[in-house]
Amino acid sequence: MWRQENGGLEHLDTKIEIREKKAASTPSCVSGVSGDEYDEKTRTKILRRSRNLKIQEQLAEVFSELLGLAQLWVLPAESKVLRFIELSKEFAGFADPDWESEMKEYLDHVDNLYLP
């Protein structure tokens, strides 16, 4: 637990885990901030950022799977491609307005991955 005075964060809760996956140990740190002292606008911004990070993680995972299949010259399942497109569109919704043209170009390329 961490405390800061003068109107800063009241406390930060952290949980540290060691996970075993494929015979390798991986440390994992999960933390959370008490949002009681934040106004609704700030709380919404924090939750939006958290959702964006989760989408980025999921998108990276699906992309890695698609890339691995492509390297093996294997066509991915339709559901995997559709999931990548769905996550990409959701990810684009979080983009800064300054990146609008780049995100549009990215989504145009993503849409070309699936031709029904």
PDB file of N, CA and C in Angstrom:
ATOM      1  N   MET A   1       0.843  -1.171   0.000  1.00  0.00           N
ATOM      2  CA  MET A   1       0.000   0.000   0.000  1.00  0.00           C
ATOM      3  C   MET A   1       0.889   1.235   0.000  1.00  0.00           C
ATOM      4  N   TRP A   2       0.563   2.205  -0.814  1.00  0.00           N
ATOM      5  CA  TRP A   2       1.344   3.426  -0.943  1.00  0.00           C
ATOM      6  C   TRP A   2       0.445   4.613  -0.701  1.00  0.00           C
ATOM      7  N   ARG A   3       0.924   5.586   0.032  1.00  0.00           N
ATOM      8  CA  ARG A   3       0.124   6.773   0.319  1.00  0.00           C
ATOM      9  C   ARG A   3       0.890   8.030  -0.076  1.00  0.00           C
ATOM     10  N   GLN A   4       0.160   9.003  -0.600  1.00  0.00           N
ATOM     11  CA  GLN A   4       0.740  10.290  -0.947  1.00  0.00           C
ATOM     12  C   GLN A   4      -0.180  11.361  -0.380  1.00  0.00           C
ATOM     13  N   GLU A   5       0.395  12.380   0.184  1.00  0.00           N
ATOM     14  CA  GLU A   5      -0.404  13.447   0.764  1.00  0.00           C
ATOM     15  C   GLU A   5      -0.563  14.598  -0.221  1.00  0.00           C
ATOM     16  N   ASN A   6      -1.182  15.674   0.215  1.00  0.00           N
ATOM     17  CA  ASN A   6      -1.399  16.882  -0.579  1.00  0.00           C
ATOM     18  C   ASN A   6      -2.291  16.635  -1.785  1.00  0.00           C
ATOM     19  N   GLY A   7      -3.371  15.900  -1.609  1.00  0.00           N
ATOM     20  CA  GLY A   7      -4.347  15.739  -2.682  1.00  0.00           C
ATOM     21  C   GLY A   7      -3.987  14.719  -3.732  1.00  0.00           C
ATOM     22  N   GLY A   8      -2.924  13.948  -3.540  1.00  0.00           N
ATOM     23  CA  GLY A   8      -2.532  12.940  -4.521  1.00  0.00           C
ATOM     24  C   GLY A   8      -3.302  11.649  -4.309  1.00  0.00           C
ATOM     25  N   LEU A   9      -2.785  10.575  -4.820  1.00  0.00           N
ATOM     26  CA  LEU A   9      -3.419   9.278  -4.660  1.00  0.00           C
ATOM     27  C   LEU A   9      -3.466   8.905  -3.192  1.00  0.00           C
ATOM     28  N   GLU A  10      -4.588   8.362  -2.781  1.00  0.00           N
ATOM     29  CA  GLU A  10      -4.719   7.964  -1.389  1.00  0.00           C
ATOM     30  C   GLU A  10      -3.946   6.684  -1.129  1.00  0.00           C
ATOM     31  N   HIS A  11      -4.125   5.684  -2.004  1.00  0.00           N
ATOM     32  CA  HIS A  11      -3.351   4.461  -1.854  1.00  0.00           C
ATOM     33  C   HIS A  11      -3.345   3.680  -3.165  1.00  0.00           C
ATOM     34  N   LEU A  12      -2.373   2.835  -3.270  1.00  0.00           N
ATOM     35  CA  LEU A  12      -2.212   1.974  -4.430  1.00  0.00           C
ATOM     36  C   LEU A  12      -2.102   0.545  -3.928  1.00  0.00           C
ATOM     37  N   ASP A  13      -3.035  -0.295  -4.340  1.00  0.00           N
ATOM     38  CA  ASP A  13      -3.003  -1.704  -3.948  1.00  0.00           C
ATOM     39  C   ASP A  13      -2.269  -2.480  -5.026  1.00  0.00           C
ATOM     40  N   THR A  14      -1.356  -3.333  -4.613  1.00  0.00           N
ATOM     41  CA  THR A  14      -0.571  -4.108  -5.562  1.00  0.00           C
ATOM     42  C   THR A  14      -0.553  -5.575  -5.149  1.00  0.00           C
ATOM     43  N   LYS A  15      -0.700  -6.445  -6.144  1.00  0.00           N
ATOM     44  CA  LYS A  15      -0.630  -7.888  -5.915  1.00  0.00           C
ATOM     45  C   LYS A  15       0.444  -8.434  -6.860  1.00  0.00           C
ATOM     46  N   ILE A  16       1.395  -9.135  -6.315  1.00  0.00           N
ATOM     47  CA  ILE A  16       2.471  -9.708  -7.128  1.00  0.00           C
ATOM     48  C   ILE A  16       2.294 -11.224  -7.143  1.00  0.00           C
ATOM     49  N   GLU A  17       2.319 -11.811  -8.348  1.00  0.00           N
ATOM     50  CA  GLU A  17       2.169 -13.253  -8.516  1.00  0.00           C
ATOM     51  C   GLU A  17       3.323 -13.792  -9.337  1.00  0.00           C
ATOM     52  N   ILE A  18       3.630 -15.037  -9.111  1.00  0.00           N
ATOM     53  CA  ILE A  18       4.577 -15.757  -9.961  1.00  0.00           C
ATOM     54  C   ILE A  18       3.752 -16.840 -10.655  1.00  0.00           C
ATOM     55  N   ARG A  19       3.690 -16.770 -11.986  1.00  0.00           N
ATOM     56  CA  ARG A  19       2.904 -17.725 -12.760  1.00  0.00           C
ATOM     57  C   ARG A  19       3.833 -18.656 -13.522  1.00  0.00           C
ATOM     58  N   GLU A  20       3.456 -19.922 -13.569  1.00  0.00           N
ATOM     59  CA  GLU A  20       4.213 -20.885 -14.358  1.00  0.00           C
ATOM     60  C   GLU A  20       3.445 -21.191 -15.625  1.00  0.00           C
ATOM     61  N   LYS A  21       4.120 -21.058 -16.752  1.00  0.00           N
ATOM     62  CA  LYS A  21       3.512 -21.335 -18.040  1.00  0.00           C
ATOM     63  C   LYS A  21       4.574 -21.934 -18.938  1.00  0.00           C
ATOM     64  N   LYS A  22       4.287 -23.097 -19.455  1.00  0.00           N
ATOM     65  CA  LYS A  22       5.227 -23.797 -20.340  1.00  0.00           C
ATOM     66  C   LYS A  22       6.612 -23.917 -19.699  1.00  0.00           C
ATOM     67  N   ALA A  23       6.624 -24.362 -18.452  1.00  0.00           N
ATOM     68  CA  ALA A  23       7.863 -24.630 -17.704  1.00  0.00           C
ATOM     69  C   ALA A  23       8.708 -23.391 -17.462  1.00  0.00           C
ATOM     70  N   ALA A  24       8.115 -22.205 -17.519  1.00  0.00           N
ATOM     71  CA  ALA A  24       8.839 -20.976 -17.219  1.00  0.00           C
ATOM     72  C   ALA A  24       8.049 -20.176 -16.182  1.00  0.00           C
ATOM     73  N   SER A  25       8.761 -19.595 -15.242  1.00  0.00           N
ATOM     74  CA  SER A  25       8.122 -18.756 -14.227  1.00  0.00           C
ATOM     75  C   SER A  25       8.121 -17.315 -14.701  1.00  0.00           C
ATOM     76  N   THR A  26       6.967 -16.677 -14.585  1.00  0.00           N
ATOM     77  CA  THR A  26       6.826 -15.301 -15.028  1.00  0.00           C
ATOM     78  C   THR A  26       6.231 -14.469 -13.899  1.00  0.00           C
ATOM     79  N   PRO A  27       6.938 -13.397 -13.487  1.00  0.00           N
ATOM     80  CA  PRO A  27       6.348 -12.534 -12.463  1.00  0.00           C
ATOM     81  C   PRO A  27       5.243 -11.683 -13.075  1.00  0.00           C
ATOM     82  N   SER A  28       4.225 -11.421 -12.289  1.00  0.00           N
ATOM     83  CA  SER A  28       3.104 -10.609 -12.740  1.00  0.00           C
ATOM     84  C   SER A  28       2.741  -9.647 -11.622  1.00  0.00           C
ATOM     85  N   CYS A  29       2.538  -8.407 -11.970  1.00  0.00           N
ATOM     86  CA  CYS A  29       2.184  -7.393 -10.987  1.00  0.00           C
ATOM     87  C   CYS A  29       0.859  -6.762 -11.389  1.00  0.00           C
ATOM     88  N   VAL A  30      -0.109  -6.793 -10.489  1.00  0.00           N
ATOM     89  CA  VAL A  30      -1.416  -6.197 -10.740  1.00  0.00           C
ATOM     90  C   VAL A  30      -1.612  -5.097  -9.710  1.00  0.00           C
ATOM     91  N   SER A  31      -1.937  -3.901 -10.167  1.00  0.00           N
ATOM     92  CA  SER A  31      -2.135  -2.811  -9.215  1.00  0.00           C
ATOM     93  C   SER A  31      -3.432  -2.090  -9.515  1.00  0.00           C
ATOM     94  N   GLY A  32      -3.947  -1.431  -8.522  1.00  0.00           N
ATOM     95  CA  GLY A  32      -5.183  -0.687  -8.682  1.00  0.00           C
ATOM     96  C   GLY A  32      -5.158   0.551  -7.812  1.00  0.00           C
ATOM     97  N   VAL A  33      -5.853   1.566  -8.255  1.00  0.00           N
ATOM     98  CA  VAL A  33      -5.900   2.835  -7.541  1.00  0.00           C
ATOM     99  C   VAL A  33      -7.296   3.035  -6.993  1.00  0.00           C
ATOM    100  N   SER A  34      -7.382   3.463  -5.766  1.00  0.00           N
ATOM    101  CA  SER A  34      -8.683   3.804  -5.202  1.00  0.00           C
ATOM    102  C   SER A  34      -9.197   5.034  -5.929  1.00  0.00           C
ATOM    103  N   GLY A  35     -10.377   4.930  -6.503  1.00  0.00           N
ATOM    104  CA  GLY A  35     -10.921   6.043  -7.279  1.00  0.00           C
ATOM    105  C   GLY A  35     -11.934   6.869  -6.533  1.00  0.00           C
ATOM    106  N   ASP A  36     -12.085   6.611  -5.245  1.00  0.00           N
ATOM    107  CA  ASP A  36     -13.109   7.319  -4.476  1.00  0.00           C
ATOM    108  C   ASP A  36     -12.923   8.829  -4.488  1.00  0.00           C
ATOM    109  N   GLU A  37     -11.676   9.278  -4.541  1.00  0.00           N
ATOM    110  CA  GLU A  37     -11.422  10.710  -4.443  1.00  0.00           C
ATOM    111  C   GLU A  37     -11.487  11.429  -5.799  1.00  0.00           C
ATOM    112  N   TYR A  38     -11.716  10.689  -6.883  1.00  0.00           N
ATOM    113  CA  TYR A  38     -11.757  11.298  -8.213  1.00  0.00           C
ATOM    114  C   TYR A  38     -13.171  11.700  -8.592  1.00  0.00           C
ATOM    115  N   ASP A  39     -13.270  12.761  -9.387  1.00  0.00           N
ATOM    116  CA  ASP A  39     -14.577  13.149  -9.909  1.00  0.00           C
ATOM    117  C   ASP A  39     -14.970  12.195 -11.035  1.00  0.00           C
ATOM    118  N   GLU A  40     -16.211  12.271 -11.472  1.00  0.00           N
ATOM    119  CA  GLU A  40     -16.738  11.333 -12.478  1.00  0.00           C
ATOM    120  C   GLU A  40     -15.948  11.387 -13.785  1.00  0.00           C
ATOM    121  N   LYS A  41     -15.563  12.574 -14.220  1.00  0.00           N
ATOM    122  CA  LYS A  41     -14.817  12.725 -15.481  1.00  0.00           C
ATOM    123  C   LYS A  41     -13.464  12.016 -15.409  1.00  0.00           C
ATOM    124  N   THR A  42     -12.767  12.191 -14.308  1.00  0.00           N
ATOM    125  CA  THR A  42     -11.452  11.559 -14.139  1.00  0.00           C
ATOM    126  C   THR A  42     -11.592  10.048 -14.032  1.00  0.00           C
ATOM    127  N   ARG A  43     -12.603   9.584 -13.278  1.00  0.00           N
ATOM    128  CA  ARG A  43     -12.843   8.145 -13.150  1.00  0.00           C
ATOM    129  C   ARG A  43     -13.125   7.526 -14.516  1.00  0.00           C
ATOM    130  N   THR A  44     -13.948   8.215 -15.317  1.00  0.00           N
ATOM    131  CA  THR A  44     -14.270   7.729 -16.661  1.00  0.00           C
ATOM    132  C   THR A  44     -13.013   7.646 -17.521  1.00  0.00           C
ATOM    133  N   LYS A  45     -12.153   8.646 -17.403  1.00  0.00           N
ATOM    134  CA  LYS A  45     -10.902   8.665 -18.169  1.00  0.00           C
ATOM    135  C   LYS A  45      -9.995   7.499 -17.776  1.00  0.00           C
ATOM    136  N   ILE A  46      -9.920   7.222 -16.473  1.00  0.00           N
ATOM    137  CA  ILE A  46      -9.091   6.111 -15.987  1.00  0.00           C
ATOM    138  C   ILE A  46      -9.643   4.777 -16.492  1.00  0.00           C
ATOM    139  N   LEU A  47     -10.956   4.595 -16.409  1.00  0.00           N
ATOM    140  CA  LEU A  47     -11.569   3.352 -16.879  1.00  0.00           C
ATOM    141  C   LEU A  47     -11.396   3.181 -18.383  1.00  0.00           C
ATOM    142  N   ARG A  48     -11.492   4.278 -19.123  1.00  0.00           N
ATOM    143  CA  ARG A  48     -11.301   4.227 -20.581  1.00  0.00           C
ATOM    144  C   ARG A  48      -9.871   3.799 -20.911  1.00  0.00           C
ATOM    145  N   ARG A  49      -8.909   4.358 -20.206  1.00  0.00           N
ATOM    146  CA  ARG A  49      -7.502   4.011 -20.433  1.00  0.00           C
ATOM    147  C   ARG A  49      -7.262   2.537 -20.094  1.00  0.00           C
ATOM    148  N   SER A  50      -7.869   2.078 -19.013  1.00  0.00           N
ATOM    149  CA  SER A  50      -7.730   0.676 -18.618  1.00  0.00           C
ATOM    150  C   SER A  50      -8.298  -0.242 -19.696  1.00  0.00           C
ATOM    151  N   ARG A  51      -9.461   0.097 -20.225  1.00  0.00           N
ATOM    152  CA  ARG A  51     -10.080  -0.709 -21.292  1.00  0.00           C
ATOM    153  C   ARG A  51      -9.187  -0.710 -22.537  1.00  0.00           C
ATOM    154  N   ASN A  52      -8.627   0.438 -22.860  1.00  0.00           N
ATOM    155  CA  ASN A  52      -7.747   0.547 -24.019  1.00  0.00           C
ATOM    156  C   ASN A  52      -6.541  -0.382 -23.868  1.00  0.00           C
ATOM    157  N   LEU A  53      -5.957  -0.426 -22.685  1.00  0.00           N
ATOM    158  CA  LEU A  53      -4.799  -1.305 -22.456  1.00  0.00           C
ATOM    159  C   LEU A  53      -5.176  -2.775 -22.603  1.00  0.00           C
ATOM    160  N   LYS A  54      -6.361  -3.145 -22.126  1.00  0.00           N
ATOM    161  CA  LYS A  54      -6.812  -4.534 -22.266  1.00  0.00           C
ATOM    162  C   LYS A  54      -7.002  -4.889 -23.740  1.00  0.00           C
ATOM    163  N   ILE A  55      -7.554  -3.959 -24.510  1.00  0.00           N
ATOM    164  CA  ILE A  55      -7.749  -4.200 -25.941  1.00  0.00           C
ATOM    165  C   ILE A  55      -6.397  -4.341 -26.633  1.00  0.00           C
ATOM    166  N   GLN A  56      -5.440  -3.496 -26.264  1.00  0.00           N
ATOM    167  CA  GLN A  56      -4.104  -3.588 -26.855  1.00  0.00           C
ATOM    168  C   GLN A  56      -3.479  -4.955 -26.582  1.00  0.00           C
ATOM    169  N   GLU A  57      -3.628  -5.451 -25.364  1.00  0.00           N
ATOM    170  CA  GLU A  57      -3.082  -6.764 -25.020  1.00  0.00           C
ATOM    171  C   GLU A  57      -3.743  -7.868 -25.850  1.00  0.00           C
ATOM    172  N   GLN A  58      -5.063  -7.820 -25.954  1.00  0.00           N
ATOM    173  CA  GLN A  58      -5.789  -8.832 -26.723  1.00  0.00           C
ATOM    174  C   GLN A  58      -5.419  -8.751 -28.200  1.00  0.00           C
ATOM    175  N   LEU A  59      -5.309  -7.540 -28.714  1.00  0.00           N
ATOM    176  CA  LEU A  59      -4.953  -7.343 -30.118  1.00  0.00           C
ATOM    177  C   LEU A  59      -3.554  -7.892 -30.400  1.00  0.00           C
ATOM    178  N   ALA A  60      -2.623  -7.628 -29.508  1.00  0.00           N
ATOM    179  CA  ALA A  60      -1.259  -8.138 -29.670  1.00  0.00           C
ATOM    180  C   ALA A  60      -1.232  -9.661 -29.647  1.00  0.00           C
ATOM    181  N   GLU A  61      -2.036 -10.250 -28.776  1.00  0.00           N
ATOM    182  CA  GLU A  61      -2.091 -11.713 -28.678  1.00  0.00           C
ATOM    183  C   GLU A  61      -2.634 -12.330 -29.972  1.00  0.00           C
ATOM    184  N   VAL A  62      -3.739 -11.787 -30.476  1.00  0.00           N
ATOM    185  CA  VAL A  62      -4.333 -12.318 -31.713  1.00  0.00           C
ATOM    186  C   VAL A  62      -3.387 -12.080 -32.884  1.00  0.00           C
ATOM    187  N   PHE A  63      -2.736 -10.912 -32.935  1.00  0.00           N
ATOM    188  CA  PHE A  63      -1.795 -10.623 -34.009  1.00  0.00           C
ATOM    189  C   PHE A  63      -0.647 -11.627 -34.003  1.00  0.00           C
ATOM    190  N   SER A  64      -0.127 -11.938 -32.819  1.00  0.00           N
ATOM    191  CA  SER A  64       0.968 -12.915 -32.719  1.00  0.00           C
ATOM    192  C   SER A  64       0.538 -14.283 -33.240  1.00  0.00           C
ATOM    193  N   GLU A  65      -0.687 -14.664 -32.912  1.00  0.00           N
ATOM    194  CA  GLU A  65      -1.197 -15.941 -33.407  1.00  0.00           C
ATOM    195  C   GLU A  65      -1.325 -15.923 -34.932  1.00  0.00           C
ATOM    196  N   LEU A  66      -1.867 -14.842 -35.480  1.00  0.00           N
ATOM    197  CA  LEU A  66      -2.007 -14.731 -36.939  1.00  0.00           C
ATOM    198  C   LEU A  66      -0.645 -14.725 -37.618  1.00  0.00           C
ATOM    199  N   LEU A  67       0.300 -14.006 -37.041  1.00  0.00           N
ATOM    200  CA  LEU A  67       1.646 -13.945 -37.597  1.00  0.00           C
ATOM    201  C   LEU A  67       2.304 -15.323 -37.592  1.00  0.00           C
ATOM    202  N   GLY A  68       2.142 -16.052 -36.489  1.00  0.00           N
ATOM    203  CA  GLY A  68       2.699 -17.407 -36.405  1.00  0.00           C
ATOM    204  C   GLY A  68       2.129 -18.327 -37.472  1.00  0.00           C
ATOM    205  N   LEU A  69       0.823 -18.235 -37.691  1.00  0.00           N
ATOM    206  CA  LEU A  69       0.191 -19.055 -38.730  1.00  0.00           C
ATOM    207  C   LEU A  69       0.684 -18.658 -40.121  1.00  0.00           C
ATOM    208  N   ALA A  70       0.815 -17.350 -40.344  1.00  0.00           N
ATOM    209  CA  ALA A  70       1.288 -16.869 -41.645  1.00  0.00           C
ATOM    210  C   ALA A  70       2.714 -17.361 -41.919  1.00  0.00           C
ATOM    211  N   GLN A  71       3.547 -17.387 -40.898  1.00  0.00           N
ATOM    212  CA  GLN A  71       4.921 -17.858 -41.062  1.00  0.00           C
ATOM    213  C   GLN A  71       4.986 -19.340 -41.404  1.00  0.00           C
ATOM    214  N   LEU A  72       3.934 -20.072 -41.011  1.00  0.00           N
ATOM    215  CA  LEU A  72       3.854 -21.497 -41.330  1.00  0.00           C
ATOM    216  C   LEU A  72       3.064 -21.751 -42.619  1.00  0.00           C
ATOM    217  N   TRP A  73       2.643 -20.682 -43.266  1.00  0.00           N
ATOM    218  CA  TRP A  73       1.846 -20.764 -44.492  1.00  0.00           C
ATOM    219  C   TRP A  73       0.508 -21.456 -44.239  1.00  0.00           C
ATOM    220  N   VAL A  74      -0.082 -21.184 -43.079  1.00  0.00           N
ATOM    221  CA  VAL A  74      -1.363 -21.774 -42.699  1.00  0.00           C
ATOM    222  C   VAL A  74      -2.405 -20.667 -42.641  1.00  0.00           C
ATOM    223  N   LEU A  75      -3.543 -20.904 -43.300  1.00  0.00           N
ATOM    224  CA  LEU A  75      -4.624 -19.925 -43.230  1.00  0.00           C
ATOM    225  C   LEU A  75      -5.280 -19.997 -41.857  1.00  0.00           C
ATOM    226  N   PRO A  76      -5.513 -18.847 -41.233  1.00  0.00           N
ATOM    227  CA  PRO A  76      -6.142 -18.855 -39.907  1.00  0.00           C
ATOM    228  C   PRO A  76      -7.638 -19.132 -40.001  1.00  0.00           C
ATOM    229  N   ALA A  77      -8.204 -19.513 -38.888  1.00  0.00           N
ATOM    230  CA  ALA A  77      -9.652 -19.705 -38.819  1.00  0.00           C
ATOM    231  C   ALA A  77     -10.338 -18.362 -39.041  1.00  0.00           C
ATOM    232  N   GLU A  78     -11.492 -18.419 -39.675  1.00  0.00           N
ATOM    233  CA  GLU A  78     -12.251 -17.201 -39.949  1.00  0.00           C
ATOM    234  C   GLU A  78     -12.537 -16.430 -38.659  1.00  0.00           C
ATOM    235  N   SER A  79     -12.854 -17.132 -37.604  1.00  0.00           N
ATOM    236  CA  SER A  79     -13.170 -16.483 -36.326  1.00  0.00           C
ATOM    237  C   SER A  79     -11.985 -15.686 -35.788  1.00  0.00           C
ATOM    238  N   LYS A  80     -10.764 -16.185 -36.016  1.00  0.00           N
ATOM    239  CA  LYS A  80      -9.562 -15.492 -35.551  1.00  0.00           C
ATOM    240  C   LYS A  80      -9.370 -14.174 -36.308  1.00  0.00           C
ATOM    241  N   VAL A  81      -9.597 -14.203 -37.614  1.00  0.00           N
ATOM    242  CA  VAL A  81      -9.476 -12.988 -38.432  1.00  0.00           C
ATOM    243  C   VAL A  81     -10.550 -11.984 -38.035  1.00  0.00           C
ATOM    244  N   LEU A  82     -11.773 -12.466 -37.843  1.00  0.00           N
ATOM    245  CA  LEU A  82     -12.866 -11.567 -37.459  1.00  0.00           C
ATOM    246  C   LEU A  82     -12.614 -10.956 -36.081  1.00  0.00           C
ATOM    247  N   ARG A  83     -12.017 -11.730 -35.179  1.00  0.00           N
ATOM    248  CA  ARG A  83     -11.681 -11.203 -33.853  1.00  0.00           C
ATOM    249  C   ARG A  83     -10.628 -10.109 -33.961  1.00  0.00           C
ATOM    250  N   PHE A  84      -9.641 -10.298 -34.829  1.00  0.00           N
ATOM    251  CA  PHE A  84      -8.607  -9.287 -35.046  1.00  0.00           C
ATOM    252  C   PHE A  84      -9.230  -8.006 -35.595  1.00  0.00           C
ATOM    253  N   ILE A  85     -10.147  -8.138 -36.539  1.00  0.00           N
ATOM    254  CA  ILE A  85     -10.812  -6.971 -37.119  1.00  0.00           C
ATOM    255  C   ILE A  85     -11.637  -6.250 -36.050  1.00  0.00           C
ATOM    256  N   GLU A  86     -12.371  -7.010 -35.261  1.00  0.00           N
ATOM    257  CA  GLU A  86     -13.199  -6.429 -34.193  1.00  0.00           C
ATOM    258  C   GLU A  86     -12.343  -5.660 -33.182  1.00  0.00           C
ATOM    259  N   LEU A  87     -11.250  -6.275 -32.737  1.00  0.00           N
ATOM    260  CA  LEU A  87     -10.366  -5.618 -31.774  1.00  0.00           C
ATOM    261  C   LEU A  87      -9.695  -4.387 -32.383  1.00  0.00           C
ATOM    262  N   SER A  88      -9.348  -4.467 -33.660  1.00  0.00           N
ATOM    263  CA  SER A  88      -8.722  -3.326 -34.329  1.00  0.00           C
ATOM    264  C   SER A  88      -9.670  -2.133 -34.380  1.00  0.00           C
ATOM    265  N   LYS A  89     -10.929  -2.392 -34.667  1.00  0.00           N
ATOM    266  CA  LYS A  89     -11.911  -1.303 -34.716  1.00  0.00           C
ATOM    267  C   LYS A  89     -12.131  -0.704 -33.335  1.00  0.00           C
ATOM    268  N   GLU A  90     -12.162  -1.560 -32.332  1.00  0.00           N
ATOM    269  CA  GLU A  90     -12.320  -1.065 -30.966  1.00  0.00           C
ATOM    270  C   GLU A  90     -11.092  -0.251 -30.556  1.00  0.00           C
ATOM    271  N   PHE A  91      -9.914  -0.740 -30.923  1.00  0.00           N
ATOM    272  CA  PHE A  91      -8.668  -0.037 -30.640  1.00  0.00           C
ATOM    273  C   PHE A  91      -8.663   1.337 -31.314  1.00  0.00           C
ATOM    274  N   ALA A  92      -9.119   1.404 -32.542  1.00  0.00           N
ATOM    275  CA  ALA A  92      -9.149   2.669 -33.286  1.00  0.00           C
ATOM    276  C   ALA A  92     -10.057   3.691 -32.612  1.00  0.00           C
ATOM    277  N   GLY A  93     -11.083   3.215 -31.925  1.00  0.00           N
ATOM    278  CA  GLY A  93     -11.987   4.116 -31.228  1.00  0.00           C
ATOM    279  C   GLY A  93     -11.321   4.877 -30.091  1.00  0.00           C
ATOM    280  N   PHE A  94     -10.186   4.388 -29.606  1.00  0.00           N
ATOM    281  CA  PHE A  94      -9.467   5.049 -28.527  1.00  0.00           C
ATOM    282  C   PHE A  94      -8.379   5.991 -29.042  1.00  0.00           C
ATOM    283  N   ALA A  95      -8.183   6.022 -30.344  1.00  0.00           N
ATOM    284  CA  ALA A  95      -7.085   6.805 -30.910  1.00  0.00           C
ATOM    285  C   ALA A  95      -7.281   8.297 -30.698  1.00  0.00           C
ATOM    286  N   ASP A  96      -6.197   8.975 -30.523  1.00  0.00           N
ATOM    287  CA  ASP A  96      -6.192  10.425 -30.407  1.00  0.00           C
ATOM    288  C   ASP A  96      -6.681  11.019 -31.729  1.00  0.00           C
ATOM    289  N   PRO A  97      -7.465  12.081 -31.693  1.00  0.00           N
ATOM    290  CA  PRO A  97      -7.964  12.684 -32.942  1.00  0.00           C
ATOM    291  C   PRO A  97      -6.860  13.061 -33.932  1.00  0.00           C
ATOM    292  N   ASP A  98      -5.658  13.348 -33.429  1.00  0.00           N
ATOM    293  CA  ASP A  98      -4.537  13.675 -34.318  1.00  0.00           C
ATOM    294  C   ASP A  98      -4.135  12.492 -35.199  1.00  0.00           C
ATOM    295  N   TRP A  99      -4.515  11.284 -34.799  1.00  0.00           N
ATOM    296  CA  TRP A  99      -4.154  10.072 -35.526  1.00  0.00           C
ATOM    297  C   TRP A  99      -5.294   9.567 -36.415  1.00  0.00           C
ATOM    298  N   GLU A 100      -6.296  10.375 -36.626  1.00  0.00           N
ATOM    299  CA  GLU A 100      -7.484   9.927 -37.362  1.00  0.00           C
ATOM    300  C   GLU A 100      -7.151   9.381 -38.753  1.00  0.00           C
ATOM    301  N   SER A 101      -6.345  10.085 -39.520  1.00  0.00           N
ATOM    302  CA  SER A 101      -6.046   9.616 -40.880  1.00  0.00           C
ATOM    303  C   SER A 101      -5.231   8.319 -40.858  1.00  0.00           C
ATOM    304  N   GLU A 102      -4.300   8.211 -39.912  1.00  0.00           N
ATOM    305  CA  GLU A 102      -3.487   6.994 -39.813  1.00  0.00           C
ATOM    306  C   GLU A 102      -4.344   5.796 -39.395  1.00  0.00           C
ATOM    307  N   MET A 103      -5.281   6.026 -38.464  1.00  0.00           N
ATOM    308  CA  MET A 103      -6.158   4.940 -38.027  1.00  0.00           C
ATOM    309  C   MET A 103      -7.102   4.518 -39.154  1.00  0.00           C
ATOM    310  N   LYS A 104      -7.555   5.476 -39.950  1.00  0.00           N
ATOM    311  CA  LYS A 104      -8.411   5.140 -41.090  1.00  0.00           C
ATOM    312  C   LYS A 104      -7.642   4.268 -42.078  1.00  0.00           C
ATOM    313  N   GLU A 105      -6.401   4.621 -42.343  1.00  0.00           N
ATOM    314  CA  GLU A 105      -5.575   3.820 -43.251  1.00  0.00           C
ATOM    315  C   GLU A 105      -5.333   2.421 -42.676  1.00  0.00           C
ATOM    316  N   TYR A 106      -5.044   2.353 -41.372  1.00  0.00           N
ATOM    317  CA  TYR A 106      -4.853   1.061 -40.706  1.00  0.00           C
ATOM    318  C   TYR A 106      -6.102   0.197 -40.849  1.00  0.00           C
ATOM    319  N   LEU A 107      -7.274   0.785 -40.574  1.00  0.00           N
ATOM    320  CA  LEU A 107      -8.521   0.018 -40.650  1.00  0.00           C
ATOM    321  C   LEU A 107      -8.830  -0.410 -42.086  1.00  0.00           C
ATOM    322  N   ASP A 108      -8.445   0.399 -43.061  1.00  0.00           N
ATOM    323  CA  ASP A 108      -8.614  -0.012 -44.459  1.00  0.00           C
ATOM    324  C   ASP A 108      -7.803  -1.272 -44.746  1.00  0.00           C
ATOM    325  N   HIS A 109      -6.572  -1.318 -44.230  1.00  0.00           N
ATOM    326  CA  HIS A 109      -5.732  -2.507 -44.413  1.00  0.00           C
ATOM    327  C   HIS A 109      -6.316  -3.704 -43.659  1.00  0.00           C
ATOM    328  N   VAL A 110      -6.795  -3.464 -42.449  1.00  0.00           N
ATOM    329  CA  VAL A 110      -7.385  -4.536 -41.640  1.00  0.00           C
ATOM    330  C   VAL A 110      -8.606  -5.114 -42.350  1.00  0.00           C
ATOM    331  N   ASP A 111      -9.438  -4.237 -42.908  1.00  0.00           N
ATOM    332  CA  ASP A 111     -10.639  -4.706 -43.611  1.00  0.00           C
ATOM    333  C   ASP A 111     -10.293  -5.582 -44.815  1.00  0.00           C
ATOM    334  N   ASN A 112      -9.132  -5.382 -45.386  1.00  0.00           N
ATOM    335  CA  ASN A 112      -8.711  -6.193 -46.537  1.00  0.00           C
ATOM    336  C   ASN A 112      -8.318  -7.617 -46.136  1.00  0.00           C
ATOM    337  N   LEU A 113      -8.201  -7.877 -44.841  1.00  0.00           N
ATOM    338  CA  LEU A 113      -7.858  -9.228 -44.389  1.00  0.00           C
ATOM    339  C   LEU A 113      -9.019 -10.197 -44.559  1.00  0.00           C
ATOM    340  N   TYR A 114     -10.219  -9.664 -44.648  1.00  0.00           N
ATOM    341  CA  TYR A 114     -11.395 -10.532 -44.721  1.00  0.00           C
ATOM    342  C   TYR A 114     -12.279 -10.087 -45.885  1.00  0.00           C
ATOM    343  N   LEU A 115     -12.395 -10.948 -46.848  1.00  0.00           N
ATOM    344  CA  LEU A 115     -13.249 -10.677 -48.007  1.00  0.00           C
ATOM    345  C   LEU A 115     -14.301 -11.769 -48.068  1.00  0.00           C
ATOM    346  N   PRO A 116     -15.519 -11.473 -47.569  1.00  0.00           N
ATOM    347  CA  PRO A 116     -16.568 -12.515 -47.523  1.00  0.00           C
ATOM    348  C   PRO A 116     -17.000 -12.974 -48.900  1.00  0.00           C
TER     349      PRO A 116
END
